[in-house]
Amino acid sequence: KFVSFDIKDLYPSIPTIETIKTVQ
């Protein structure tokens, strides 16, 4: 069967410090 998921408030939920470390 198919199911769909929605990520709640995606952009405001992104952890910036963690993401910058990943980019680095």
mmCIF file of all heavy atoms, coordinates in Angstrom:
data_MODEL
# 
_entry.id   MODEL 
# 
loop_
_atom_site.group_PDB 
_atom_site.id 
_atom_site.type_symbol 
_atom_site.label_atom_id 
_atom_site.label_alt_id 
_atom_site.label_comp_id 
_atom_site.label_asym_id 
_atom_site.label_entity_id 
_atom_site.label_seq_id 
_atom_site.pdbx_PDB_ins_code 
_atom_site.Cartn_x 
_atom_site.Cartn_y 
_atom_site.Cartn_z 
_atom_site.occupancy 
_atom_site.B_iso_or_equiv 
_atom_site.pdbx_formal_charge 
_atom_site.auth_seq_id 
_atom_site.auth_comp_id 
_atom_site.auth_asym_id 
_atom_site.auth_atom_id 
_atom_site.pdbx_PDB_model_num 
ATOM 1   N N   . LYS A 1 1  ? 0.854  -1.199 0.000  1.00 0.00 ? 1  LYS A N   1 
ATOM 2   C CA  . LYS A 1 1  ? 0.000  0.000  0.000  1.00 0.00 ? 1  LYS A CA  1 
ATOM 3   C C   . LYS A 1 1  ? 0.885  1.242  0.000  1.00 0.00 ? 1  LYS A C   1 
ATOM 4   O O   . LYS A 1 1  ? 2.075  1.176  0.337  1.00 0.00 ? 1  LYS A O   1 
ATOM 5   C CB  . LYS A 1 1  ? -0.919 0.010  1.216  1.00 0.00 ? 1  LYS A CB  1 
ATOM 6   C CG  . LYS A 1 1  ? -0.187 0.178  2.549  1.00 0.00 ? 1  LYS A CG  1 
ATOM 7   C CD  . LYS A 1 1  ? -1.127 0.126  3.745  1.00 0.00 ? 1  LYS A CD  1 
ATOM 8   C CE  . LYS A 1 1  ? -2.060 1.297  3.786  1.00 0.00 ? 1  LYS A CE  1 
ATOM 9   N NZ  . LYS A 1 1  ? -2.883 1.322  5.010  1.00 0.00 ? 1  LYS A NZ  1 
ATOM 10  N N   . PHE A 1 2  ? 0.286  2.365  -0.344 1.00 0.00 ? 2  PHE A N   1 
ATOM 11  C CA  . PHE A 1 2  ? 0.992  3.645  -0.314 1.00 0.00 ? 2  PHE A CA  1 
ATOM 12  C C   . PHE A 1 2  ? 0.651  4.406  0.964  1.00 0.00 ? 2  PHE A C   1 
ATOM 13  O O   . PHE A 1 2  ? -0.495 4.398  1.430  1.00 0.00 ? 2  PHE A O   1 
ATOM 14  C CB  . PHE A 1 2  ? 0.610  4.508  -1.517 1.00 0.00 ? 2  PHE A CB  1 
ATOM 15  C CG  . PHE A 1 2  ? 1.327  4.143  -2.785 1.00 0.00 ? 2  PHE A CG  1 
ATOM 16  C CD1 . PHE A 1 2  ? 0.634  3.553  -3.840 1.00 0.00 ? 2  PHE A CD1 1 
ATOM 17  C CD2 . PHE A 1 2  ? 2.685  4.382  -2.928 1.00 0.00 ? 2  PHE A CD2 1 
ATOM 18  C CE1 . PHE A 1 2  ? 1.288  3.219  -5.011 1.00 0.00 ? 2  PHE A CE1 1 
ATOM 19  C CE2 . PHE A 1 2  ? 3.348  4.042  -4.096 1.00 0.00 ? 2  PHE A CE2 1 
ATOM 20  C CZ  . PHE A 1 2  ? 2.648  3.463  -5.140 1.00 0.00 ? 2  PHE A CZ  1 
ATOM 21  N N   . VAL A 1 3  ? 1.656  5.055  1.512  1.00 0.00 ? 3  VAL A N   1 
ATOM 22  C CA  . VAL A 1 3  ? 1.454  6.015  2.607  1.00 0.00 ? 3  VAL A CA  1 
ATOM 23  C C   . VAL A 1 3  ? 2.280  7.257  2.286  1.00 0.00 ? 3  VAL A C   1 
ATOM 24  O O   . VAL A 1 3  ? 3.278  7.182  1.566  1.00 0.00 ? 3  VAL A O   1 
ATOM 25  C CB  . VAL A 1 3  ? 1.889  5.454  3.986  1.00 0.00 ? 3  VAL A CB  1 
ATOM 26  C CG1 . VAL A 1 3  ? 1.001  4.313  4.413  1.00 0.00 ? 3  VAL A CG1 1 
ATOM 27  C CG2 . VAL A 1 3  ? 3.344  5.042  3.980  1.00 0.00 ? 3  VAL A CG2 1 
ATOM 28  N N   . SER A 1 4  ? 1.856  8.385  2.805  1.00 0.00 ? 4  SER A N   1 
ATOM 29  C CA  . SER A 1 4  ? 2.646  9.611  2.641  1.00 0.00 ? 4  SER A CA  1 
ATOM 30  C C   . SER A 1 4  ? 2.950  10.198 4.010  1.00 0.00 ? 4  SER A C   1 
ATOM 31  O O   . SER A 1 4  ? 2.153  10.073 4.951  1.00 0.00 ? 4  SER A O   1 
ATOM 32  C CB  . SER A 1 4  ? 1.894  10.629 1.775  1.00 0.00 ? 4  SER A CB  1 
ATOM 33  O OG  . SER A 1 4  ? 0.738  11.091 2.431  1.00 0.00 ? 4  SER A OG  1 
ATOM 34  N N   . PHE A 1 5  ? 4.116  10.802 4.111  1.00 0.00 ? 5  PHE A N   1 
ATOM 35  C CA  . PHE A 1 5  ? 4.548  11.440 5.352  1.00 0.00 ? 5  PHE A CA  1 
ATOM 36  C C   . PHE A 1 5  ? 4.835  12.905 5.088  1.00 0.00 ? 5  PHE A C   1 
ATOM 37  O O   . PHE A 1 5  ? 5.379  13.259 4.037  1.00 0.00 ? 5  PHE A O   1 
ATOM 38  C CB  . PHE A 1 5  ? 5.809  10.767 5.897  1.00 0.00 ? 5  PHE A CB  1 
ATOM 39  C CG  . PHE A 1 5  ? 5.639  9.308  6.220  1.00 0.00 ? 5  PHE A CG  1 
ATOM 40  C CD1 . PHE A 1 5  ? 6.066  8.337  5.317  1.00 0.00 ? 5  PHE A CD1 1 
ATOM 41  C CD2 . PHE A 1 5  ? 5.072  8.902  7.405  1.00 0.00 ? 5  PHE A CD2 1 
ATOM 42  C CE1 . PHE A 1 5  ? 5.915  6.993  5.594  1.00 0.00 ? 5  PHE A CE1 1 
ATOM 43  C CE2 . PHE A 1 5  ? 4.912  7.554  7.693  1.00 0.00 ? 5  PHE A CE2 1 
ATOM 44  C CZ  . PHE A 1 5  ? 5.335  6.596  6.789  1.00 0.00 ? 5  PHE A CZ  1 
ATOM 45  N N   . ASP A 1 6  ? 4.481  13.740 6.027  1.00 0.00 ? 6  ASP A N   1 
ATOM 46  C CA  . ASP A 1 6  ? 4.767  15.173 5.941  1.00 0.00 ? 6  ASP A CA  1 
ATOM 47  C C   . ASP A 1 6  ? 5.671  15.548 7.107  1.00 0.00 ? 6  ASP A C   1 
ATOM 48  O O   . ASP A 1 6  ? 5.388  15.198 8.263  1.00 0.00 ? 6  ASP A O   1 
ATOM 49  C CB  . ASP A 1 6  ? 3.469  15.986 5.991  1.00 0.00 ? 6  ASP A CB  1 
ATOM 50  C CG  . ASP A 1 6  ? 3.730  17.470 5.911  1.00 0.00 ? 6  ASP A CG  1 
ATOM 51  O OD1 . ASP A 1 6  ? 4.129  17.944 4.833  1.00 0.00 ? 6  ASP A OD1 1 
ATOM 52  O OD2 . ASP A 1 6  ? 3.555  18.173 6.936  1.00 0.00 ? 6  ASP A OD2 1 
ATOM 53  N N   . ILE A 1 7  ? 6.758  16.246 6.806  1.00 0.00 ? 7  ILE A N   1 
ATOM 54  C CA  . ILE A 1 7  ? 7.667  16.691 7.857  1.00 0.00 ? 7  ILE A CA  1 
ATOM 55  C C   . ILE A 1 7  ? 7.166  18.020 8.400  1.00 0.00 ? 7  ILE A C   1 
ATOM 56  O O   . ILE A 1 7  ? 7.024  18.992 7.657  1.00 0.00 ? 7  ILE A O   1 
ATOM 57  C CB  . ILE A 1 7  ? 9.105  16.839 7.333  1.00 0.00 ? 7  ILE A CB  1 
ATOM 58  C CG1 . ILE A 1 7  ? 9.567  15.532 6.683  1.00 0.00 ? 7  ILE A CG1 1 
ATOM 59  C CG2 . ILE A 1 7  ? 10.054 17.217 8.478  1.00 0.00 ? 7  ILE A CG2 1 
ATOM 60  C CD1 . ILE A 1 7  ? 10.889 15.643 5.954  1.00 0.00 ? 7  ILE A CD1 1 
ATOM 61  N N   . LYS A 1 8  ? 6.888  18.061 9.676  1.00 0.00 ? 8  LYS A N   1 
ATOM 62  C CA  . LYS A 1 8  ? 6.294  19.257 10.286 1.00 0.00 ? 8  LYS A CA  1 
ATOM 63  C C   . LYS A 1 8  ? 7.322  20.383 10.386 1.00 0.00 ? 8  LYS A C   1 
ATOM 64  O O   . LYS A 1 8  ? 8.424  20.179 10.893 1.00 0.00 ? 8  LYS A O   1 
ATOM 65  C CB  . LYS A 1 8  ? 5.759  18.916 11.685 1.00 0.00 ? 8  LYS A CB  1 
ATOM 66  C CG  . LYS A 1 8  ? 4.614  17.904 11.678 1.00 0.00 ? 8  LYS A CG  1 
ATOM 67  C CD  . LYS A 1 8  ? 4.277  17.407 13.064 1.00 0.00 ? 8  LYS A CD  1 
ATOM 68  C CE  . LYS A 1 8  ? 3.766  18.530 13.951 1.00 0.00 ? 8  LYS A CE  1 
ATOM 69  N NZ  . LYS A 1 8  ? 3.357  18.002 15.297 1.00 0.00 ? 8  LYS A NZ  1 
ATOM 70  N N   . ASP A 1 9  ? 6.942  21.567 9.873  1.00 0.00 ? 9  ASP A N   1 
ATOM 71  C CA  . ASP A 1 9  ? 7.780  22.777 10.012 1.00 0.00 ? 9  ASP A CA  1 
ATOM 72  C C   . ASP A 1 9  ? 9.248  22.484 9.665  1.00 0.00 ? 9  ASP A C   1 
ATOM 73  O O   . ASP A 1 9  ? 10.148 22.718 10.480 1.00 0.00 ? 9  ASP A O   1 
ATOM 74  C CB  . ASP A 1 9  ? 7.697  23.326 11.438 1.00 0.00 ? 9  ASP A CB  1 
ATOM 75  C CG  . ASP A 1 9  ? 6.273  23.678 11.833 1.00 0.00 ? 9  ASP A CG  1 
ATOM 76  O OD1 . ASP A 1 9  ? 5.487  24.037 10.941 1.00 0.00 ? 9  ASP A OD1 1 
ATOM 77  O OD2 . ASP A 1 9  ? 5.941  23.571 13.032 1.00 0.00 ? 9  ASP A OD2 1 
ATOM 78  N N   . LEU A 1 10 ? 9.484  22.010 8.456  1.00 0.00 ? 10 LEU A N   1 
ATOM 79  C CA  . LEU A 1 10 ? 10.815 21.516 8.103  1.00 0.00 ? 10 LEU A CA  1 
ATOM 80  C C   . LEU A 1 10 ? 11.908 22.570 8.246  1.00 0.00 ? 10 LEU A C   1 
ATOM 81  O O   . LEU A 1 10 ? 12.892 22.372 8.958  1.00 0.00 ? 10 LEU A O   1 
ATOM 82  C CB  . LEU A 1 10 ? 10.804 20.948 6.678  1.00 0.00 ? 10 LEU A CB  1 
ATOM 83  C CG  . LEU A 1 10 ? 12.163 20.456 6.144  1.00 0.00 ? 10 LEU A CG  1 
ATOM 84  C CD1 . LEU A 1 10 ? 12.751 19.395 7.061  1.00 0.00 ? 10 LEU A CD1 1 
ATOM 85  C CD2 . LEU A 1 10 ? 12.011 19.921 4.729  1.00 0.00 ? 10 LEU A CD2 1 
ATOM 86  N N   . TYR A 1 11 ? 11.762 23.710 7.554  1.00 0.00 ? 11 TYR A N   1 
ATOM 87  C CA  . TYR A 1 11 ? 12.848 24.705 7.553  1.00 0.00 ? 11 TYR A CA  1 
ATOM 88  C C   . TYR A 1 11 ? 13.164 25.230 8.967  1.00 0.00 ? 11 TYR A C   1 
ATOM 89  O O   . TYR A 1 11 ? 14.338 25.292 9.340  1.00 0.00 ? 11 TYR A O   1 
ATOM 90  C CB  . TYR A 1 11 ? 12.500 25.856 6.606  1.00 0.00 ? 11 TYR A CB  1 
ATOM 91  C CG  . TYR A 1 11 ? 12.790 25.543 5.152  1.00 0.00 ? 11 TYR A CG  1 
ATOM 92  C CD1 . TYR A 1 11 ? 11.891 24.807 4.387  1.00 0.00 ? 11 TYR A CD1 1 
ATOM 93  C CD2 . TYR A 1 11 ? 13.963 25.964 4.533  1.00 0.00 ? 11 TYR A CD2 1 
ATOM 94  C CE1 . TYR A 1 11 ? 12.149 24.502 3.060  1.00 0.00 ? 11 TYR A CE1 1 
ATOM 95  C CE2 . TYR A 1 11 ? 14.235 25.665 3.203  1.00 0.00 ? 11 TYR A CE2 1 
ATOM 96  C CZ  . TYR A 1 11 ? 13.319 24.929 2.470  1.00 0.00 ? 11 TYR A CZ  1 
ATOM 97  O OH  . TYR A 1 11 ? 13.586 24.622 1.164  1.00 0.00 ? 11 TYR A OH  1 
ATOM 98  N N   . PRO A 1 12 ? 12.154 25.603 9.763  1.00 0.00 ? 12 PRO A N   1 
ATOM 99  C CA  . PRO A 1 12 ? 12.478 26.068 11.117 1.00 0.00 ? 12 PRO A CA  1 
ATOM 100 C C   . PRO A 1 12 ? 13.014 24.962 12.031 1.00 0.00 ? 12 PRO A C   1 
ATOM 101 O O   . PRO A 1 12 ? 13.499 25.255 13.119 1.00 0.00 ? 12 PRO A O   1 
ATOM 102 C CB  . PRO A 1 12 ? 11.123 26.584 11.643 1.00 0.00 ? 12 PRO A CB  1 
ATOM 103 C CG  . PRO A 1 12 ? 10.283 26.810 10.436 1.00 0.00 ? 12 PRO A CG  1 
ATOM 104 C CD  . PRO A 1 12 ? 10.713 25.768 9.465  1.00 0.00 ? 12 PRO A CD  1 
ATOM 105 N N   . SER A 1 13 ? 12.916 23.695 11.601 1.00 0.00 ? 13 SER A N   1 
ATOM 106 C CA  . SER A 1 13 ? 13.360 22.581 12.441 1.00 0.00 ? 13 SER A CA  1 
ATOM 107 C C   . SER A 1 13 ? 14.776 22.109 12.130 1.00 0.00 ? 13 SER A C   1 
ATOM 108 O O   . SER A 1 13 ? 15.332 21.295 12.866 1.00 0.00 ? 13 SER A O   1 
ATOM 109 C CB  . SER A 1 13 ? 12.401 21.391 12.275 1.00 0.00 ? 13 SER A CB  1 
ATOM 110 O OG  . SER A 1 13 ? 11.085 21.743 12.647 1.00 0.00 ? 13 SER A OG  1 
ATOM 111 N N   . ILE A 1 14 ? 15.362 22.609 11.036 1.00 0.00 ? 14 ILE A N   1 
ATOM 112 C CA  . ILE A 1 14 ? 16.709 22.162 10.662 1.00 0.00 ? 14 ILE A CA  1 
ATOM 113 C C   . ILE A 1 14 ? 17.730 22.682 11.680 1.00 0.00 ? 14 ILE A C   1 
ATOM 114 O O   . ILE A 1 14 ? 17.816 23.894 11.910 1.00 0.00 ? 14 ILE A O   1 
ATOM 115 C CB  . ILE A 1 14 ? 17.087 22.675 9.253  1.00 0.00 ? 14 ILE A CB  1 
ATOM 116 C CG1 . ILE A 1 14 ? 16.114 22.133 8.205  1.00 0.00 ? 14 ILE A CG1 1 
ATOM 117 C CG2 . ILE A 1 14 ? 18.532 22.288 8.915  1.00 0.00 ? 14 ILE A CG2 1 
ATOM 118 C CD1 . ILE A 1 14 ? 16.147 20.652 8.013  1.00 0.00 ? 14 ILE A CD1 1 
ATOM 119 N N   . PRO A 1 15 ? 18.518 21.816 12.309 1.00 0.00 ? 15 PRO A N   1 
ATOM 120 C CA  . PRO A 1 15 ? 19.543 22.263 13.271 1.00 0.00 ? 15 PRO A CA  1 
ATOM 121 C C   . PRO A 1 15 ? 20.727 22.872 12.521 1.00 0.00 ? 15 PRO A C   1 
ATOM 122 O O   . PRO A 1 15 ? 21.486 22.165 11.858 1.00 0.00 ? 15 PRO A O   1 
ATOM 123 C CB  . PRO A 1 15 ? 19.942 20.964 13.994 1.00 0.00 ? 15 PRO A CB  1 
ATOM 124 C CG  . PRO A 1 15 ? 19.638 19.877 13.007 1.00 0.00 ? 15 PRO A CG  1 
ATOM 125 C CD  . PRO A 1 15 ? 18.484 20.335 12.176 1.00 0.00 ? 15 PRO A CD  1 
ATOM 126 N N   . THR A 1 16 ? 20.881 24.175 12.612 1.00 0.00 ? 16 THR A N   1 
ATOM 127 C CA  . THR A 1 16 ? 21.871 24.879 11.792 1.00 0.00 ? 16 THR A CA  1 
ATOM 128 C C   . THR A 1 16 ? 23.313 24.498 12.137 1.00 0.00 ? 16 THR A C   1 
ATOM 129 O O   . THR A 1 16 ? 24.144 24.310 11.243 1.00 0.00 ? 16 THR A O   1 
ATOM 130 C CB  . THR A 1 16 ? 21.694 26.404 11.918 1.00 0.00 ? 16 THR A CB  1 
ATOM 131 O OG1 . THR A 1 16 ? 21.680 26.760 13.302 1.00 0.00 ? 16 THR A OG1 1 
ATOM 132 C CG2 . THR A 1 16 ? 20.394 26.853 11.278 1.00 0.00 ? 16 THR A CG2 1 
ATOM 133 N N   . ILE A 1 17 ? 23.626 24.385 13.424 1.00 0.00 ? 17 ILE A N   1 
ATOM 134 C CA  . ILE A 1 17 ? 25.007 24.058 13.822 1.00 0.00 ? 17 ILE A CA  1 
ATOM 135 C C   . ILE A 1 17 ? 25.392 22.683 13.294 1.00 0.00 ? 17 ILE A C   1 
ATOM 136 O O   . ILE A 1 17 ? 26.483 22.483 12.731 1.00 0.00 ? 17 ILE A O   1 
ATOM 137 C CB  . ILE A 1 17 ? 25.158 24.116 15.356 1.00 0.00 ? 17 ILE A CB  1 
ATOM 138 C CG1 . ILE A 1 17 ? 24.953 25.554 15.857 1.00 0.00 ? 17 ILE A CG1 1 
ATOM 139 C CG2 . ILE A 1 17 ? 26.537 23.603 15.780 1.00 0.00 ? 17 ILE A CG2 1 
ATOM 140 C CD1 . ILE A 1 17 ? 24.955 25.699 17.363 1.00 0.00 ? 17 ILE A CD1 1 
ATOM 141 N N   . GLU A 1 18 ? 24.507 21.725 13.446 1.00 0.00 ? 18 GLU A N   1 
ATOM 142 C CA  . GLU A 1 18 ? 24.754 20.363 12.962 1.00 0.00 ? 18 GLU A CA  1 
ATOM 143 C C   . GLU A 1 18 ? 24.900 20.334 11.435 1.00 0.00 ? 18 GLU A C   1 
ATOM 144 O O   . GLU A 1 18 ? 25.755 19.632 10.893 1.00 0.00 ? 18 GLU A O   1 
ATOM 145 C CB  . GLU A 1 18 ? 23.583 19.470 13.400 1.00 0.00 ? 18 GLU A CB  1 
ATOM 146 C CG  . GLU A 1 18 ? 23.760 18.005 13.101 1.00 0.00 ? 18 GLU A CG  1 
ATOM 147 C CD  . GLU A 1 18 ? 22.585 17.187 13.616 1.00 0.00 ? 18 GLU A CD  1 
ATOM 148 O OE1 . GLU A 1 18 ? 21.955 17.602 14.616 1.00 0.00 ? 18 GLU A OE1 1 
ATOM 149 O OE2 . GLU A 1 18 ? 22.302 16.138 13.020 1.00 0.00 ? 18 GLU A OE2 1 
ATOM 150 N N   . THR A 1 19 ? 24.070 21.118 10.757 1.00 0.00 ? 19 THR A N   1 
ATOM 151 C CA  . THR A 1 19 ? 24.103 21.145 9.296  1.00 0.00 ? 19 THR A CA  1 
ATOM 152 C C   . THR A 1 19 ? 25.390 21.786 8.784  1.00 0.00 ? 19 THR A C   1 
ATOM 153 O O   . THR A 1 19 ? 26.001 21.298 7.818  1.00 0.00 ? 19 THR A O   1 
ATOM 154 C CB  . THR A 1 19 ? 22.885 21.901 8.743  1.00 0.00 ? 19 THR A CB  1 
ATOM 155 O OG1 . THR A 1 19 ? 21.687 21.289 9.247  1.00 0.00 ? 19 THR A OG1 1 
ATOM 156 C CG2 . THR A 1 19 ? 22.858 21.878 7.224  1.00 0.00 ? 19 THR A CG2 1 
ATOM 157 N N   . ILE A 1 20 ? 25.813 22.872 9.413  1.00 0.00 ? 20 ILE A N   1 
ATOM 158 C CA  . ILE A 1 20 ? 27.065 23.526 9.024  1.00 0.00 ? 20 ILE A CA  1 
ATOM 159 C C   . ILE A 1 20 ? 28.250 22.568 9.194  1.00 0.00 ? 20 ILE A C   1 
ATOM 160 O O   . ILE A 1 20 ? 29.147 22.505 8.342  1.00 0.00 ? 20 ILE A O   1 
ATOM 161 C CB  . ILE A 1 20 ? 27.287 24.815 9.846  1.00 0.00 ? 20 ILE A CB  1 
ATOM 162 C CG1 . ILE A 1 20 ? 26.293 25.893 9.407  1.00 0.00 ? 20 ILE A CG1 1 
ATOM 163 C CG2 . ILE A 1 20 ? 28.717 25.331 9.683  1.00 0.00 ? 20 ILE A CG2 1 
ATOM 164 C CD1 . ILE A 1 20 ? 26.330 27.144 10.254 1.00 0.00 ? 20 ILE A CD1 1 
ATOM 165 N N   . LYS A 1 21 ? 28.234 21.789 10.264 1.00 0.00 ? 21 LYS A N   1 
ATOM 166 C CA  . LYS A 1 21 ? 29.303 20.813 10.499 1.00 0.00 ? 21 LYS A CA  1 
ATOM 167 C C   . LYS A 1 21 ? 29.321 19.763 9.383  1.00 0.00 ? 21 LYS A C   1 
ATOM 168 O O   . LYS A 1 21 ? 30.388 19.371 8.896  1.00 0.00 ? 21 LYS A O   1 
ATOM 169 C CB  . LYS A 1 21 ? 29.091 20.132 11.854 1.00 0.00 ? 21 LYS A CB  1 
ATOM 170 C CG  . LYS A 1 21 ? 30.223 19.195 12.239 1.00 0.00 ? 21 LYS A CG  1 
ATOM 171 C CD  . LYS A 1 21 ? 29.997 18.591 13.620 1.00 0.00 ? 21 LYS A CD  1 
ATOM 172 C CE  . LYS A 1 21 ? 31.132 17.622 13.976 1.00 0.00 ? 21 LYS A CE  1 
ATOM 173 N NZ  . LYS A 1 21 ? 30.915 17.001 15.313 1.00 0.00 ? 21 LYS A NZ  1 
ATOM 174 N N   . THR A 1 22 ? 28.125 19.335 8.953  1.00 0.00 ? 22 THR A N   1 
ATOM 175 C CA  . THR A 1 22 ? 28.037 18.350 7.862  1.00 0.00 ? 22 THR A CA  1 
ATOM 176 C C   . THR A 1 22 ? 28.569 18.941 6.563  1.00 0.00 ? 22 THR A C   1 
ATOM 177 O O   . THR A 1 22 ? 29.302 18.280 5.819  1.00 0.00 ? 22 THR A O   1 
ATOM 178 C CB  . THR A 1 22 ? 26.582 17.896 7.672  1.00 0.00 ? 22 THR A CB  1 
ATOM 179 O OG1 . THR A 1 22 ? 26.091 17.351 8.898  1.00 0.00 ? 22 THR A OG1 1 
ATOM 180 C CG2 . THR A 1 22 ? 26.472 16.844 6.570  1.00 0.00 ? 22 THR A CG2 1 
ATOM 181 N N   . VAL A 1 23 ? 28.195 20.199 6.284  1.00 0.00 ? 23 VAL A N   1 
ATOM 182 C CA  . VAL A 1 23 ? 28.695 20.889 5.085  1.00 0.00 ? 23 VAL A CA  1 
ATOM 183 C C   . VAL A 1 23 ? 30.216 20.946 5.106  1.00 0.00 ? 23 VAL A C   1 
ATOM 184 O O   . VAL A 1 23 ? 30.883 20.675 4.100  1.00 0.00 ? 23 VAL A O   1 
ATOM 185 C CB  . VAL A 1 23 ? 28.102 22.312 4.986  1.00 0.00 ? 23 VAL A CB  1 
ATOM 186 C CG1 . VAL A 1 23 ? 28.798 23.118 3.891  1.00 0.00 ? 23 VAL A CG1 1 
ATOM 187 C CG2 . VAL A 1 23 ? 26.603 22.251 4.712  1.00 0.00 ? 23 VAL A CG2 1 
ATOM 188 N N   . GLN A 1 24 ? 30.766 21.281 6.257  1.00 0.00 ? 24 GLN A N   1 
ATOM 189 C CA  . GLN A 1 24 ? 32.220 21.377 6.397  1.00 0.00 ? 24 GLN A CA  1 
ATOM 190 C C   . GLN A 1 24 ? 32.895 20.032 6.108  1.00 0.00 ? 24 GLN A C   1 
ATOM 191 O O   . GLN A 1 24 ? 33.905 19.974 5.396  1.00 0.00 ? 24 GLN A O   1 
ATOM 192 C CB  . GLN A 1 24 ? 32.580 21.844 7.803  1.00 0.00 ? 24 GLN A CB  1 
ATOM 193 C CG  . GLN A 1 24 ? 34.062 22.115 8.004  1.00 0.00 ? 24 GLN A CG  1 
ATOM 194 C CD  . GLN A 1 24 ? 34.333 22.744 9.372  1.00 0.00 ? 24 GLN A CD  1 
ATOM 195 O OE1 . GLN A 1 24 ? 33.464 22.776 10.243 1.00 0.00 ? 24 GLN A OE1 1 
ATOM 196 N NE2 . GLN A 1 24 ? 35.524 23.261 9.553  1.00 0.00 ? 24 GLN A NE2 1 
# 
